[in-house]
Amino acid sequence: MWDDSDITTNMENLPVSKSSKGKLILADLYSRENCINGKYTLCQIEGLSDLEKSRHDDIFYLETLKVRADTADKIIEEAKSRGMDVNDRNVLLELGKQINAFGQPIHRSNAIITAISVSLQLIIFCGIVSGIWGLVFKQSFLTFFFYGNALGLLLSFFVAPVISHQRTEKRKGDIVFGVSALFIPPIIWIGITGIIALVIRLIFFR
């Protein structure tokens, strides 16, 4: 559990050369009652149970933890108002499961890497499918491949910013799944149709 000396020590250890905004967010988190009395730790809340590992210059991540702390405080207070013993370890573990169900907090770099990965997939898939249709029309595969790349890049301009701003693993996964379900099946079917058309052209229209 945290006590006043723990908070003081952690605040004193914050590097003074980094962002003051991050230090203010950490100060807010460390000063919360449920951090001081150890409930964040007992609930095993992802991100809040090990605040000492948080970098105060990672503002995106700290802002996510602040939202998580607001949610945790609300859920714990509601449980207390319903007569639940919020000092009982088993009760706190169950509350922690509810809080963690909102998704594991992620760093901005994690979201950005995923956004780049999804964008590259769209660019490559669109390029390959477009290249196949280039062959169908007896054109250069590479020329049509680059046309497809341009289309994939255009799609990524809409997709990447949305993914890169997600703050939890669950939300990021939901967005990636939605993007894949929306774009990948049509691209694959267009590619399959192109392959069929290419085979027919090679057999019957040489």
C-alpha atoms as a PDB file:
ATOM      1  CA  MET A   1       0.000   0.000   0.000  1.00  0.00           C
ATOM      2  CA  TRP A   2       1.040   3.598  -0.532  1.00  0.00           C
ATOM      3  CA  ASP A   3       1.618   5.978   2.353  1.00  0.00           C
ATOM      4  CA  ASP A   4       2.506   9.643   2.447  1.00  0.00           C
ATOM      5  CA  SER A   5       6.243   8.925   2.410  1.00  0.00           C
ATOM      6  CA  ASP A   6       5.830   6.795  -0.727  1.00  0.00           C
ATOM      7  CA  ILE A   7       4.092   9.649  -2.504  1.00  0.00           C
ATOM      8  CA  THR A   8       6.716  12.139  -1.426  1.00  0.00           C
ATOM      9  CA  THR A   9       9.532   9.847  -2.541  1.00  0.00           C
ATOM     10  CA  ASN A  10       7.962   9.216  -5.937  1.00  0.00           C
ATOM     11  CA  MET A  11       7.307  12.903  -6.504  1.00  0.00           C
ATOM     12  CA  GLU A  12      10.885  13.800  -5.529  1.00  0.00           C
ATOM     13  CA  ASN A  13      12.245  11.207  -7.954  1.00  0.00           C
ATOM     14  CA  LEU A  14      10.431  12.744 -10.933  1.00  0.00           C
ATOM     15  CA  PRO A  15      13.026  14.259 -13.297  1.00  0.00           C
ATOM     16  CA  VAL A  16      12.612  18.015 -13.316  1.00  0.00           C
ATOM     17  CA  SER A  17      13.798  18.365 -16.922  1.00  0.00           C
ATOM     18  CA  LYS A  18      10.793  16.579 -18.429  1.00  0.00           C
ATOM     19  CA  SER A  19       7.244  17.613 -19.154  1.00  0.00           C
ATOM     20  CA  SER A  20       5.486  19.342 -16.286  1.00  0.00           C
ATOM     21  CA  LYS A  21       2.185  18.096 -17.637  1.00  0.00           C
ATOM     22  CA  GLY A  22       3.257  14.500 -17.105  1.00  0.00           C
ATOM     23  CA  LYS A  23       4.396  15.286 -13.581  1.00  0.00           C
ATOM     24  CA  LEU A  24       1.054  16.910 -12.812  1.00  0.00           C
ATOM     25  CA  ILE A  25      -0.845  13.851 -14.058  1.00  0.00           C
ATOM     26  CA  LEU A  26       1.352  11.522 -11.995  1.00  0.00           C
ATOM     27  CA  ALA A  27       0.928  13.782  -8.969  1.00  0.00           C
ATOM     28  CA  ASP A  28      -2.835  13.536  -9.401  1.00  0.00           C
ATOM     29  CA  LEU A  29      -2.713   9.743  -9.683  1.00  0.00           C
ATOM     30  CA  TYR A  30      -0.414   9.288  -6.666  1.00  0.00           C
ATOM     31  CA  SER A  31      -2.552  11.610  -4.536  1.00  0.00           C
ATOM     32  CA  ARG A  32      -5.832   9.774  -5.129  1.00  0.00           C
ATOM     33  CA  GLU A  33      -7.332   8.046  -2.121  1.00  0.00           C
ATOM     34  CA  ASN A  34      -7.539   4.664  -3.860  1.00  0.00           C
ATOM     35  CA  CYS A  35      -3.853   4.869  -4.741  1.00  0.00           C
ATOM     36  CA  ILE A  36      -2.843   5.887  -1.216  1.00  0.00           C
ATOM     37  CA  ASN A  37      -4.891   3.124   0.446  1.00  0.00           C
ATOM     38  CA  GLY A  38      -3.623   0.533  -2.038  1.00  0.00           C
ATOM     39  CA  LYS A  39      -6.936  -0.304  -3.704  1.00  0.00           C
ATOM     40  CA  TYR A  40      -5.536   0.157  -7.228  1.00  0.00           C
ATOM     41  CA  THR A  41      -2.919  -2.454  -6.385  1.00  0.00           C
ATOM     42  CA  LEU A  42      -5.352  -4.819  -4.664  1.00  0.00           C
ATOM     43  CA  CYS A  43      -7.712  -4.559  -7.641  1.00  0.00           C
ATOM     44  CA  GLN A  44      -4.747  -5.380  -9.894  1.00  0.00           C
ATOM     45  CA  ILE A  45      -5.744  -2.590 -12.278  1.00  0.00           C
ATOM     46  CA  GLU A  46      -3.534  -2.654 -15.352  1.00  0.00           C
ATOM     47  CA  GLY A  47      -1.338   0.438 -15.420  1.00  0.00           C
ATOM     48  CA  LEU A  48      -2.476   1.803 -12.056  1.00  0.00           C
ATOM     49  CA  SER A  49      -1.138  -1.059  -9.933  1.00  0.00           C
ATOM     50  CA  ASP A  50       2.431  -0.292 -11.057  1.00  0.00           C
ATOM     51  CA  LEU A  51       2.531   3.474 -11.441  1.00  0.00           C
ATOM     52  CA  GLU A  52       6.225   3.557 -10.570  1.00  0.00           C
ATOM     53  CA  LYS A  53       6.916   2.070 -14.020  1.00  0.00           C
ATOM     54  CA  SER A  54       5.155   4.930 -15.793  1.00  0.00           C
ATOM     55  CA  ARG A  55       7.307   7.465 -17.616  1.00  0.00           C
ATOM     56  CA  HIS A  56       6.178  11.003 -16.877  1.00  0.00           C
ATOM     57  CA  ASP A  57       7.085  12.148 -20.402  1.00  0.00           C
ATOM     58  CA  ASP A  58       4.656   9.654 -21.993  1.00  0.00           C
ATOM     59  CA  ILE A  59       1.694  12.026 -21.879  1.00  0.00           C
ATOM     60  CA  PHE A  60      -0.569   9.890 -24.103  1.00  0.00           C
ATOM     61  CA  TYR A  61      -0.192   6.889 -21.771  1.00  0.00           C
ATOM     62  CA  LEU A  62      -0.583   8.955 -18.612  1.00  0.00           C
ATOM     63  CA  GLU A  63      -3.761  10.571 -19.931  1.00  0.00           C
ATOM     64  CA  THR A  64      -5.092   7.061 -20.547  1.00  0.00           C
ATOM     65  CA  LEU A  65      -4.240   6.095 -16.960  1.00  0.00           C
ATOM     66  CA  LYS A  66      -6.030   9.203 -15.700  1.00  0.00           C
ATOM     67  CA  VAL A  67      -9.199   8.136 -17.515  1.00  0.00           C
ATOM     68  CA  ARG A  68      -8.713   4.627 -16.120  1.00  0.00           C
ATOM     69  CA  ALA A  69      -8.338   6.041 -12.602  1.00  0.00           C
ATOM     70  CA  ASP A  70     -11.529   8.085 -12.988  1.00  0.00           C
ATOM     71  CA  THR A  71     -13.357   4.917 -14.039  1.00  0.00           C
ATOM     72  CA  ALA A  72     -11.853   2.898 -11.183  1.00  0.00           C
ATOM     73  CA  ASP A  73     -12.770   5.515  -8.576  1.00  0.00           C
ATOM     74  CA  LYS A  74     -16.336   5.606  -9.871  1.00  0.00           C
ATOM     75  CA  ILE A  75     -16.749   1.811  -9.864  1.00  0.00           C
ATOM     76  CA  ILE A  76     -15.253   1.446  -6.379  1.00  0.00           C
ATOM     77  CA  GLU A  77     -17.474   4.238  -5.018  1.00  0.00           C
ATOM     78  CA  GLU A  78     -20.586   2.713  -6.614  1.00  0.00           C
ATOM     79  CA  ALA A  79     -19.740  -0.672  -5.095  1.00  0.00           C
ATOM     80  CA  LYS A  80     -19.323   0.967  -1.694  1.00  0.00           C
ATOM     81  CA  SER A  81     -22.681   2.733  -2.021  1.00  0.00           C
ATOM     82  CA  ARG A  82     -24.342  -0.643  -2.745  1.00  0.00           C
ATOM     83  CA  GLY A  83     -23.051  -1.950   0.576  1.00  0.00           C
ATOM     84  CA  MET A  84     -20.173  -4.014  -0.771  1.00  0.00           C
ATOM     85  CA  ASP A  85     -17.092  -4.346   1.423  1.00  0.00           C
ATOM     86  CA  VAL A  86     -14.520  -2.524  -0.702  1.00  0.00           C
ATOM     87  CA  ASN A  87     -11.813  -3.479   1.794  1.00  0.00           C
ATOM     88  CA  ASP A  88     -12.304  -7.173   1.048  1.00  0.00           C
ATOM     89  CA  ARG A  89      -9.585  -8.503  -1.268  1.00  0.00           C
ATOM     90  CA  ASN A  90     -11.946 -10.784  -3.200  1.00  0.00           C
ATOM     91  CA  VAL A  91     -14.402  -7.946  -3.769  1.00  0.00           C
ATOM     92  CA  LEU A  92     -11.599  -5.703  -4.995  1.00  0.00           C
ATOM     93  CA  LEU A  93     -10.362  -8.390  -7.383  1.00  0.00           C
ATOM     94  CA  GLU A  94     -13.842  -8.653  -8.893  1.00  0.00           C
ATOM     95  CA  LEU A  95     -14.035  -4.877  -9.237  1.00  0.00           C
ATOM     96  CA  GLY A  96     -10.607  -4.962 -10.852  1.00  0.00           C
ATOM     97  CA  LYS A  97     -11.877  -7.411 -13.470  1.00  0.00           C
ATOM     98  CA  GLN A  98     -14.686  -4.982 -14.332  1.00  0.00           C
ATOM     99  CA  ILE A  99     -12.229  -2.113 -14.660  1.00  0.00           C
ATOM    100  CA  ASN A 100      -9.701  -4.115 -16.697  1.00  0.00           C
ATOM    101  CA  ALA A 101     -12.508  -5.221 -19.022  1.00  0.00           C
ATOM    102  CA  PHE A 102     -12.309  -1.750 -20.580  1.00  0.00           C
ATOM    103  CA  GLY A 103      -8.980  -2.842 -22.072  1.00  0.00           C
ATOM    104  CA  GLN A 104      -5.296  -2.734 -21.260  1.00  0.00           C
ATOM    105  CA  PRO A 105      -3.810   0.773 -21.575  1.00  0.00           C
ATOM    106  CA  ILE A 106      -1.297   1.032 -24.401  1.00  0.00           C
ATOM    107  CA  HIS A 107       1.490   3.431 -25.250  1.00  0.00           C
ATOM    108  CA  ARG A 108       1.151   5.729 -28.242  1.00  0.00           C
ATOM    109  CA  SER A 109       4.051   3.957 -29.967  1.00  0.00           C
ATOM    110  CA  ASN A 110       2.103   0.680 -29.816  1.00  0.00           C
ATOM    111  CA  ALA A 111      -0.903   2.250 -31.538  1.00  0.00           C
ATOM    112  CA  ILE A 112       1.291   3.971 -34.143  1.00  0.00           C
ATOM    113  CA  ILE A 113       3.159   0.757 -35.023  1.00  0.00           C
ATOM    114  CA  THR A 114      -0.160  -1.040 -35.480  1.00  0.00           C
ATOM    115  CA  ALA A 115      -1.465   1.808 -37.657  1.00  0.00           C
ATOM    116  CA  ILE A 116       1.641   1.604 -39.845  1.00  0.00           C
ATOM    117  CA  SER A 117       1.336  -2.188 -40.107  1.00  0.00           C
ATOM    118  CA  VAL A 118      -2.317  -2.038 -41.171  1.00  0.00           C
ATOM    119  CA  SER A 119      -1.549   0.744 -43.660  1.00  0.00           C
ATOM    120  CA  LEU A 120       1.265  -1.271 -45.235  1.00  0.00           C
ATOM    121  CA  GLN A 121      -1.045  -4.262 -45.588  1.00  0.00           C
ATOM    122  CA  LEU A 122      -3.630  -2.137 -47.377  1.00  0.00           C
ATOM    123  CA  ILE A 123      -0.989  -0.637 -49.669  1.00  0.00           C
ATOM    124  CA  ILE A 124       0.519  -4.025 -50.565  1.00  0.00           C
ATOM    125  CA  PHE A 125      -2.807  -5.827 -51.015  1.00  0.00           C
ATOM    126  CA  CYS A 126      -4.193  -3.054 -53.203  1.00  0.00           C
ATOM    127  CA  GLY A 127      -0.962  -3.043 -55.214  1.00  0.00           C
ATOM    128  CA  ILE A 128      -1.013  -6.785 -55.860  1.00  0.00           C
ATOM    129  CA  VAL A 129      -4.690  -6.844 -56.830  1.00  0.00           C
ATOM    130  CA  SER A 130      -4.244  -3.860 -59.116  1.00  0.00           C
ATOM    131  CA  GLY A 131      -1.185  -5.500 -60.678  1.00  0.00           C
ATOM    132  CA  ILE A 132      -3.201  -8.638 -61.428  1.00  0.00           C
ATOM    133  CA  TRP A 133      -5.769  -6.567 -63.290  1.00  0.00           C
ATOM    134  CA  GLY A 134      -2.935  -4.882 -65.154  1.00  0.00           C
ATOM    135  CA  LEU A 135      -1.996  -8.308 -66.521  1.00  0.00           C
ATOM    136  CA  VAL A 136      -5.630  -8.989 -67.392  1.00  0.00           C
ATOM    137  CA  PHE A 137      -5.617  -5.885 -69.607  1.00  0.00           C
ATOM    138  CA  LYS A 138      -2.156  -6.759 -71.008  1.00  0.00           C
ATOM    139  CA  GLN A 139      -0.540  -3.858 -69.199  1.00  0.00           C
ATOM    140  CA  SER A 140       2.523  -3.632 -66.957  1.00  0.00           C
ATOM    141  CA  PHE A 141       2.106  -5.385 -63.627  1.00  0.00           C
ATOM    142  CA  LEU A 142       4.438  -2.889 -61.930  1.00  0.00           C
ATOM    143  CA  THR A 143       2.615   0.147 -63.328  1.00  0.00           C
ATOM    144  CA  PHE A 144      -0.743  -1.094 -62.057  1.00  0.00           C
ATOM    145  CA  PHE A 145       0.928  -2.242 -58.835  1.00  0.00           C
ATOM    146  CA  PHE A 146       1.940   1.356 -58.124  1.00  0.00           C
ATOM    147  CA  TYR A 147      -1.565   2.564 -59.005  1.00  0.00           C
ATOM    148  CA  GLY A 148      -2.875   0.138 -56.394  1.00  0.00           C
ATOM    149  CA  ASN A 149      -0.272   1.389 -53.927  1.00  0.00           C
ATOM    150  CA  ALA A 150      -1.632   4.897 -54.391  1.00  0.00           C
ATOM    151  CA  LEU A 151      -5.163   3.682 -53.654  1.00  0.00           C
ATOM    152  CA  GLY A 152      -3.985   1.790 -50.574  1.00  0.00           C
ATOM    153  CA  LEU A 153      -2.106   4.878 -49.397  1.00  0.00           C
ATOM    154  CA  LEU A 154      -5.261   6.953 -49.805  1.00  0.00           C
ATOM    155  CA  LEU A 155      -7.241   4.458 -47.703  1.00  0.00           C
ATOM    156  CA  SER A 156      -4.514   4.481 -45.055  1.00  0.00           C
ATOM    157  CA  PHE A 157      -4.887   8.261 -44.672  1.00  0.00           C
ATOM    158  CA  PHE A 158      -8.355   7.586 -43.261  1.00  0.00           C
ATOM    159  CA  VAL A 159      -7.496   4.443 -41.306  1.00  0.00           C
ATOM    160  CA  ALA A 160      -4.113   5.175 -39.704  1.00  0.00           C
ATOM    161  CA  PRO A 161      -5.115   8.276 -37.660  1.00  0.00           C
ATOM    162  CA  VAL A 162      -8.061   6.415 -36.122  1.00  0.00           C
ATOM    163  CA  ILE A 163      -5.923   3.445 -35.066  1.00  0.00           C
ATOM    164  CA  SER A 164      -3.047   5.574 -33.791  1.00  0.00           C
ATOM    165  CA  HIS A 165      -5.322   7.454 -31.371  1.00  0.00           C
ATOM    166  CA  GLN A 166      -6.740   4.378 -29.628  1.00  0.00           C
ATOM    167  CA  ARG A 167      -5.784   4.199 -25.955  1.00  0.00           C
ATOM    168  CA  THR A 168      -6.465   0.556 -25.036  1.00  0.00           C
ATOM    169  CA  GLU A 169      -5.555  -2.810 -26.535  1.00  0.00           C
ATOM    170  CA  LYS A 170      -9.245  -3.721 -26.795  1.00  0.00           C
ATOM    171  CA  ARG A 171     -10.227  -0.569 -28.668  1.00  0.00           C
ATOM    172  CA  LYS A 172      -7.234  -0.898 -30.961  1.00  0.00           C
ATOM    173  CA  GLY A 173      -8.158  -4.520 -31.697  1.00  0.00           C
ATOM    174  CA  ASP A 174     -11.781  -3.584 -32.387  1.00  0.00           C
ATOM    175  CA  ILE A 175     -10.758  -0.876 -34.857  1.00  0.00           C
ATOM    176  CA  VAL A 176      -8.255  -3.137 -36.635  1.00  0.00           C
ATOM    177  CA  PHE A 177     -10.883  -5.870 -36.892  1.00  0.00           C
ATOM    178  CA  GLY A 178     -13.388  -3.376 -38.296  1.00  0.00           C
ATOM    179  CA  VAL A 179     -10.903  -2.106 -40.868  1.00  0.00           C
ATOM    180  CA  SER A 180      -9.989  -5.654 -41.895  1.00  0.00           C
ATOM    181  CA  ALA A 181     -13.636  -6.672 -42.193  1.00  0.00           C
ATOM    182  CA  LEU A 182     -14.474  -3.577 -44.235  1.00  0.00           C
ATOM    183  CA  PHE A 183     -11.577  -3.505 -46.718  1.00  0.00           C
ATOM    184  CA  ILE A 184      -9.780  -6.858 -46.899  1.00  0.00           C
ATOM    185  CA  PRO A 185     -12.649  -9.141 -48.104  1.00  0.00           C
ATOM    186  CA  PRO A 186     -13.561  -6.860 -51.064  1.00  0.00           C
ATOM    187  CA  ILE A 187      -9.878  -6.536 -52.001  1.00  0.00           C
ATOM    188  CA  ILE A 188      -9.440 -10.322 -51.880  1.00  0.00           C
ATOM    189  CA  TRP A 189     -12.545 -10.952 -53.982  1.00  0.00           C
ATOM    190  CA  ILE A 190     -11.441  -8.384 -56.555  1.00  0.00           C
ATOM    191  CA  GLY A 191      -8.082 -10.141 -56.654  1.00  0.00           C
ATOM    192  CA  ILE A 192      -9.667 -13.579 -57.061  1.00  0.00           C
ATOM    193  CA  THR A 193     -11.872 -12.236 -59.848  1.00  0.00           C
ATOM    194  CA  GLY A 194      -8.771 -10.810 -61.497  1.00  0.00           C
ATOM    195  CA  ILE A 195      -6.964 -14.154 -61.316  1.00  0.00           C
ATOM    196  CA  ILE A 196      -9.970 -15.913 -62.886  1.00  0.00           C
ATOM    197  CA  ALA A 197     -10.127 -13.292 -65.630  1.00  0.00           C
ATOM    198  CA  LEU A 198      -6.385 -13.641 -66.233  1.00  0.00           C
ATOM    199  CA  VAL A 199      -6.622 -17.433 -66.526  1.00  0.00           C
ATOM    200  CA  ILE A 200      -9.516 -17.123 -68.982  1.00  0.00           C
ATOM    201  CA  ARG A 201      -7.581 -14.592 -71.064  1.00  0.00           C
ATOM    202  CA  LEU A 202      -4.475 -16.785 -71.139  1.00  0.00           C
ATOM    203  CA  ILE A 203      -6.463 -19.855 -72.195  1.00  0.00           C
ATOM    204  CA  PHE A 204      -8.922 -18.398 -74.686  1.00  0.00           C
ATOM    205  CA  PHE A 205      -7.580 -14.980 -75.755  1.00  0.00           C
ATOM    206  CA  ARG A 206      -3.853 -15.301 -76.269  1.00  0.00           C
END
